[in-house]
Amino acid sequence: MNYYEILGVDRNVTAKELKRAYKSLAHKWHPDLNPDNVAEAERKMAEINVAYSVLSDEVARMDYDKKLDAESAKSARQKKSSAGAAPKTSRRKTTASATGADASHIDFNNINSSFESFFGFDPKTKTVTNEDKLNTFTRDRKKKNPLDTTDFFERFMGFKK
């Protein structure tokens, strides 16, 4: 279920209507007002709070809408391909968002993969996943430590050790 469905509103909802829907649902599902079913009320309130926090923030809402549109397009492609149409061949994208350099597409629920796609290495395993992103300041030599900022510091200060 998507956030719009959780709050019972459509995608064209105004901020005022969104707040009204949130308050109505919060009043209906607040655990203090549902002593007979506290566990269910807490679960519903958690869903309602997450949905409202995303949809009430303009930037987060735009990102969420993009995500919904992408899922809808993917679903449409899958239906078309399962109906007997030949699947489209994937083309490698060369835009900033395809390489992970666009900060508006960071998935805060999976911050490790976003970090990896943005900086070019996995901070947990310390494995390099994209040399080009990792070595932006020194393309001619490989760094041993992905967090080494020596070159950046030297360029900023205007001298070398």
C-alpha atoms as a PDB file:
ATOM      1  CA  MET A   1       0.000   0.000   0.000  1.00  0.00           C
ATOM      2  CA  ASN A   2       1.397   3.394  -0.886  1.00  0.00           C
ATOM      3  CA  TYR A   3       1.456   6.479   1.312  1.00  0.00           C
ATOM      4  CA  TYR A   4      -1.432   8.135  -0.505  1.00  0.00           C
ATOM      5  CA  GLU A   5      -3.600   5.078   0.095  1.00  0.00           C
ATOM      6  CA  ILE A   6      -2.581   4.929   3.749  1.00  0.00           C
ATOM      7  CA  LEU A   7      -3.796   8.496   4.254  1.00  0.00           C
ATOM      8  CA  GLY A   8      -6.813   8.019   1.977  1.00  0.00           C
ATOM      9  CA  VAL A   9      -5.921  10.897  -0.362  1.00  0.00           C
ATOM     10  CA  ASP A  10      -5.087  11.221  -4.053  1.00  0.00           C
ATOM     11  CA  ARG A  11      -1.793  12.462  -5.509  1.00  0.00           C
ATOM     12  CA  ASN A  12      -3.164  15.940  -6.171  1.00  0.00           C
ATOM     13  CA  VAL A  13      -3.883  16.566  -2.483  1.00  0.00           C
ATOM     14  CA  THR A  14      -3.053  20.008  -1.118  1.00  0.00           C
ATOM     15  CA  ALA A  15      -1.037  20.528   2.056  1.00  0.00           C
ATOM     16  CA  LYS A  16      -4.174  21.607   3.902  1.00  0.00           C
ATOM     17  CA  GLU A  17      -6.151  18.540   2.792  1.00  0.00           C
ATOM     18  CA  LEU A  18      -3.207  16.303   3.631  1.00  0.00           C
ATOM     19  CA  LYS A  19      -3.007  17.696   7.148  1.00  0.00           C
ATOM     20  CA  ARG A  20      -6.771  17.278   7.608  1.00  0.00           C
ATOM     21  CA  ALA A  21      -6.580  13.625   6.501  1.00  0.00           C
ATOM     22  CA  TYR A  22      -3.615  13.002   8.808  1.00  0.00           C
ATOM     23  CA  LYS A  23      -5.368  14.537  11.827  1.00  0.00           C
ATOM     24  CA  SER A  24      -8.522  12.546  11.140  1.00  0.00           C
ATOM     25  CA  LEU A  25      -6.613   9.249  10.920  1.00  0.00           C
ATOM     26  CA  ALA A  26      -4.441  10.097  13.918  1.00  0.00           C
ATOM     27  CA  HIS A  27      -7.567  10.726  15.970  1.00  0.00           C
ATOM     28  CA  LYS A  28      -9.070   7.466  14.766  1.00  0.00           C
ATOM     29  CA  TRP A  29      -5.975   5.286  15.335  1.00  0.00           C
ATOM     30  CA  HIS A  30      -4.147   6.879  18.255  1.00  0.00           C
ATOM     31  CA  PRO A  31      -3.298   4.107  20.756  1.00  0.00           C
ATOM     32  CA  ASP A  32      -4.699   6.114  23.668  1.00  0.00           C
ATOM     33  CA  LEU A  33      -8.062   6.191  21.911  1.00  0.00           C
ATOM     34  CA  ASN A  34      -7.966   2.445  21.117  1.00  0.00           C
ATOM     35  CA  PRO A  35      -7.351   0.713  24.457  1.00  0.00           C
ATOM     36  CA  ASP A  36      -8.956  -2.524  23.203  1.00  0.00           C
ATOM     37  CA  ASN A  37      -6.547  -2.869  20.288  1.00  0.00           C
ATOM     38  CA  VAL A  38      -3.313  -1.062  21.214  1.00  0.00           C
ATOM     39  CA  ALA A  39      -0.983  -3.193  19.072  1.00  0.00           C
ATOM     40  CA  GLU A  40      -3.008  -2.644  15.884  1.00  0.00           C
ATOM     41  CA  ALA A  41      -3.419   1.063  16.675  1.00  0.00           C
ATOM     42  CA  GLU A  42       0.343   1.457  17.184  1.00  0.00           C
ATOM     43  CA  ARG A  43       1.053  -0.298  13.881  1.00  0.00           C
ATOM     44  CA  LYS A  44      -1.453   1.878  12.012  1.00  0.00           C
ATOM     45  CA  MET A  45      -0.163   5.072  13.662  1.00  0.00           C
ATOM     46  CA  ALA A  46       3.387   4.183  12.632  1.00  0.00           C
ATOM     47  CA  GLU A  47       2.232   3.787   8.995  1.00  0.00           C
ATOM     48  CA  ILE A  48       0.241   7.022   9.155  1.00  0.00           C
ATOM     49  CA  ASN A  49       3.170   8.958  10.653  1.00  0.00           C
ATOM     50  CA  VAL A  50       5.643   7.722   8.030  1.00  0.00           C
ATOM     51  CA  ALA A  51       3.224   8.464   5.199  1.00  0.00           C
ATOM     52  CA  TYR A  52       2.499  11.958   6.494  1.00  0.00           C
ATOM     53  CA  SER A  53       6.164  12.773   7.134  1.00  0.00           C
ATOM     54  CA  VAL A  54       7.055  11.904   3.530  1.00  0.00           C
ATOM     55  CA  LEU A  55       4.057  13.518   1.845  1.00  0.00           C
ATOM     56  CA  SER A  56       4.170  16.705   3.913  1.00  0.00           C
ATOM     57  CA  ASP A  57       7.803  17.382   2.944  1.00  0.00           C
ATOM     58  CA  GLU A  58       7.917  18.829  -0.593  1.00  0.00           C
ATOM     59  CA  VAL A  59      11.281  17.328  -1.561  1.00  0.00           C
ATOM     60  CA  ALA A  60      10.547  13.927  -0.049  1.00  0.00           C
ATOM     61  CA  ARG A  61       7.134  13.919  -1.734  1.00  0.00           C
ATOM     62  CA  MET A  62       8.653  14.682  -5.151  1.00  0.00           C
ATOM     63  CA  ASP A  63      11.146  11.847  -4.683  1.00  0.00           C
ATOM     64  CA  TYR A  64       8.355   9.516  -3.555  1.00  0.00           C
ATOM     65  CA  ASP A  65       6.230  10.466  -6.581  1.00  0.00           C
ATOM     66  CA  LYS A  66       9.194   9.740  -8.881  1.00  0.00           C
ATOM     67  CA  LYS A  67       9.577   6.358  -7.212  1.00  0.00           C
ATOM     68  CA  LEU A  68       5.870   5.596  -7.696  1.00  0.00           C
ATOM     69  CA  ASP A  69       6.058   6.643 -11.348  1.00  0.00           C
ATOM     70  CA  ALA A  70       9.103   4.427 -11.901  1.00  0.00           C
ATOM     71  CA  GLU A  71       7.380   1.452 -10.255  1.00  0.00           C
ATOM     72  CA  SER A  72       4.277   2.080 -12.340  1.00  0.00           C
ATOM     73  CA  ALA A  73       6.332   2.212 -15.548  1.00  0.00           C
ATOM     74  CA  LYS A  74       8.185  -0.966 -14.573  1.00  0.00           C
ATOM     75  CA  SER A  75       4.904  -2.727 -13.849  1.00  0.00           C
ATOM     76  CA  ALA A  76       3.511  -1.609 -17.201  1.00  0.00           C
ATOM     77  CA  ARG A  77       6.620  -2.926 -18.994  1.00  0.00           C
ATOM     78  CA  GLN A  78       6.352  -6.247 -17.183  1.00  0.00           C
ATOM     79  CA  LYS A  79       2.683  -6.589 -18.102  1.00  0.00           C
ATOM     80  CA  LYS A  80       3.483  -5.747 -21.724  1.00  0.00           C
ATOM     81  CA  SER A  81       6.351  -8.238 -21.840  1.00  0.00           C
ATOM     82  CA  SER A  82       4.311 -10.990 -20.170  1.00  0.00           C
ATOM     83  CA  ALA A  83       1.503 -10.395 -22.674  1.00  0.00           C
ATOM     84  CA  GLY A  84       3.779 -11.647 -25.456  1.00  0.00           C
ATOM     85  CA  ALA A  85       5.490  -8.463 -26.521  1.00  0.00           C
ATOM     86  CA  ALA A  86       9.223  -8.622 -26.971  1.00  0.00           C
ATOM     87  CA  PRO A  87      11.000  -7.097 -23.983  1.00  0.00           C
ATOM     88  CA  LYS A  88      13.018  -3.982 -24.649  1.00  0.00           C
ATOM     89  CA  THR A  89      16.749  -4.292 -24.423  1.00  0.00           C
ATOM     90  CA  SER A  90      18.237  -2.250 -21.672  1.00  0.00           C
ATOM     91  CA  ARG A  91      20.529   0.594 -22.593  1.00  0.00           C
ATOM     92  CA  ARG A  92      23.215   1.844 -20.322  1.00  0.00           C
ATOM     93  CA  LYS A  93      22.328   5.272 -18.997  1.00  0.00           C
ATOM     94  CA  THR A  94      24.989   7.945 -18.881  1.00  0.00           C
ATOM     95  CA  THR A  95      23.137  10.530 -16.832  1.00  0.00           C
ATOM     96  CA  ALA A  96      24.225  11.605 -13.377  1.00  0.00           C
ATOM     97  CA  SER A  97      21.355   9.732 -11.776  1.00  0.00           C
ATOM     98  CA  ALA A  98      22.341   6.506 -13.509  1.00  0.00           C
ATOM     99  CA  THR A  99      25.798   6.728 -11.996  1.00  0.00           C
ATOM    100  CA  GLY A 100      24.436   7.585  -8.573  1.00  0.00           C
ATOM    101  CA  ALA A 101      25.878  11.096  -8.532  1.00  0.00           C
ATOM    102  CA  ASP A 102      22.483  12.752  -8.198  1.00  0.00           C
ATOM    103  CA  ALA A 103      21.846  13.295  -4.500  1.00  0.00           C
ATOM    104  CA  SER A 104      18.072  13.533  -4.979  1.00  0.00           C
ATOM    105  CA  HIS A 105      17.970   9.757  -5.538  1.00  0.00           C
ATOM    106  CA  ILE A 106      19.579   8.698  -2.280  1.00  0.00           C
ATOM    107  CA  ASP A 107      17.628   5.951  -0.573  1.00  0.00           C
ATOM    108  CA  PHE A 108      17.787   6.764   3.124  1.00  0.00           C
ATOM    109  CA  ASN A 109      16.276   3.384   3.970  1.00  0.00           C
ATOM    110  CA  ASN A 110      19.326   1.708   2.443  1.00  0.00           C
ATOM    111  CA  ILE A 111      22.021   4.292   3.086  1.00  0.00           C
ATOM    112  CA  ASN A 112      24.903   1.843   2.600  1.00  0.00           C
ATOM    113  CA  SER A 113      24.035   1.165  -1.040  1.00  0.00           C
ATOM    114  CA  SER A 114      23.468   4.877  -1.642  1.00  0.00           C
ATOM    115  CA  PHE A 115      26.848   5.657  -0.081  1.00  0.00           C
ATOM    116  CA  GLU A 116      28.452   2.988  -2.239  1.00  0.00           C
ATOM    117  CA  SER A 117      26.892   4.275  -5.456  1.00  0.00           C
ATOM    118  CA  PHE A 118      27.752   7.891  -4.642  1.00  0.00           C
ATOM    119  CA  PHE A 119      31.333   7.506  -3.382  1.00  0.00           C
ATOM    120  CA  GLY A 120      32.451   4.373  -5.222  1.00  0.00           C
ATOM    121  CA  PHE A 121      33.227   2.003  -2.363  1.00  0.00           C
ATOM    122  CA  ASP A 122      31.425  -0.109   0.223  1.00  0.00           C
ATOM    123  CA  PRO A 123      32.207   1.262   3.699  1.00  0.00           C
ATOM    124  CA  LYS A 124      31.462  -2.055   5.428  1.00  0.00           C
ATOM    125  CA  THR A 125      33.592  -4.363   3.315  1.00  0.00           C
ATOM    126  CA  LYS A 126      36.005  -1.626   2.167  1.00  0.00           C
ATOM    127  CA  THR A 127      35.813  -2.911  -1.402  1.00  0.00           C
ATOM    128  CA  VAL A 128      36.067  -0.472  -4.274  1.00  0.00           C
ATOM    129  CA  THR A 129      33.048  -0.618  -6.601  1.00  0.00           C
ATOM    130  CA  ASN A 130      33.740   2.324  -8.910  1.00  0.00           C
ATOM    131  CA  GLU A 131      37.312   3.502  -9.467  1.00  0.00           C
ATOM    132  CA  ASP A 132      36.245   6.633 -11.361  1.00  0.00           C
ATOM    133  CA  LYS A 133      34.234   8.001  -8.451  1.00  0.00           C
ATOM    134  CA  LEU A 134      36.803   6.987  -5.899  1.00  0.00           C
ATOM    135  CA  ASN A 135      39.792   8.606  -7.568  1.00  0.00           C
ATOM    136  CA  THR A 136      38.386  11.930  -8.668  1.00  0.00           C
ATOM    137  CA  PHE A 137      41.462  13.878  -7.588  1.00  0.00           C
ATOM    138  CA  THR A 138      44.152  11.406  -8.588  1.00  0.00           C
ATOM    139  CA  ARG A 139      43.260   9.450 -11.670  1.00  0.00           C
ATOM    140  CA  ASP A 140      46.916   8.622 -12.310  1.00  0.00           C
ATOM    141  CA  ARG A 141      47.532   6.689  -9.067  1.00  0.00           C
ATOM    142  CA  LYS A 142      45.381   4.379  -7.005  1.00  0.00           C
ATOM    143  CA  LYS A 143      44.674   5.190  -3.386  1.00  0.00           C
ATOM    144  CA  LYS A 144      45.109   2.494  -0.813  1.00  0.00           C
ATOM    145  CA  ASN A 145      42.578   4.035   1.555  1.00  0.00           C
ATOM    146  CA  PRO A 146      39.264   5.145   0.035  1.00  0.00           C
ATOM    147  CA  LEU A 147      38.933   7.794   2.734  1.00  0.00           C
ATOM    148  CA  ASP A 148      42.364   9.285   2.062  1.00  0.00           C
ATOM    149  CA  THR A 149      41.912  13.023   1.505  1.00  0.00           C
ATOM    150  CA  THR A 150      45.594  13.892   1.243  1.00  0.00           C
ATOM    151  CA  ASP A 151      45.380  15.045  -2.370  1.00  0.00           C
ATOM    152  CA  PHE A 152      42.320  17.148  -1.672  1.00  0.00           C
ATOM    153  CA  PHE A 153      44.048  18.773   1.317  1.00  0.00           C
ATOM    154  CA  GLU A 154      47.226  19.427  -0.656  1.00  0.00           C
ATOM    155  CA  ARG A 155      45.303  21.043  -3.496  1.00  0.00           C
ATOM    156  CA  PHE A 156      43.300  23.150  -1.072  1.00  0.00           C
ATOM    157  CA  MET A 157      46.364  24.320   0.841  1.00  0.00           C
ATOM    158  CA  GLY A 158      48.452  24.746  -2.316  1.00  0.00           C
ATOM    159  CA  PHE A 159      51.430  22.594  -1.372  1.00  0.00           C
ATOM    160  CA  LYS A 160      52.608  18.988  -1.367  1.00  0.00           C
ATOM    161  CA  LYS A 161      54.219  17.116   1.502  1.00  0.00           C
END
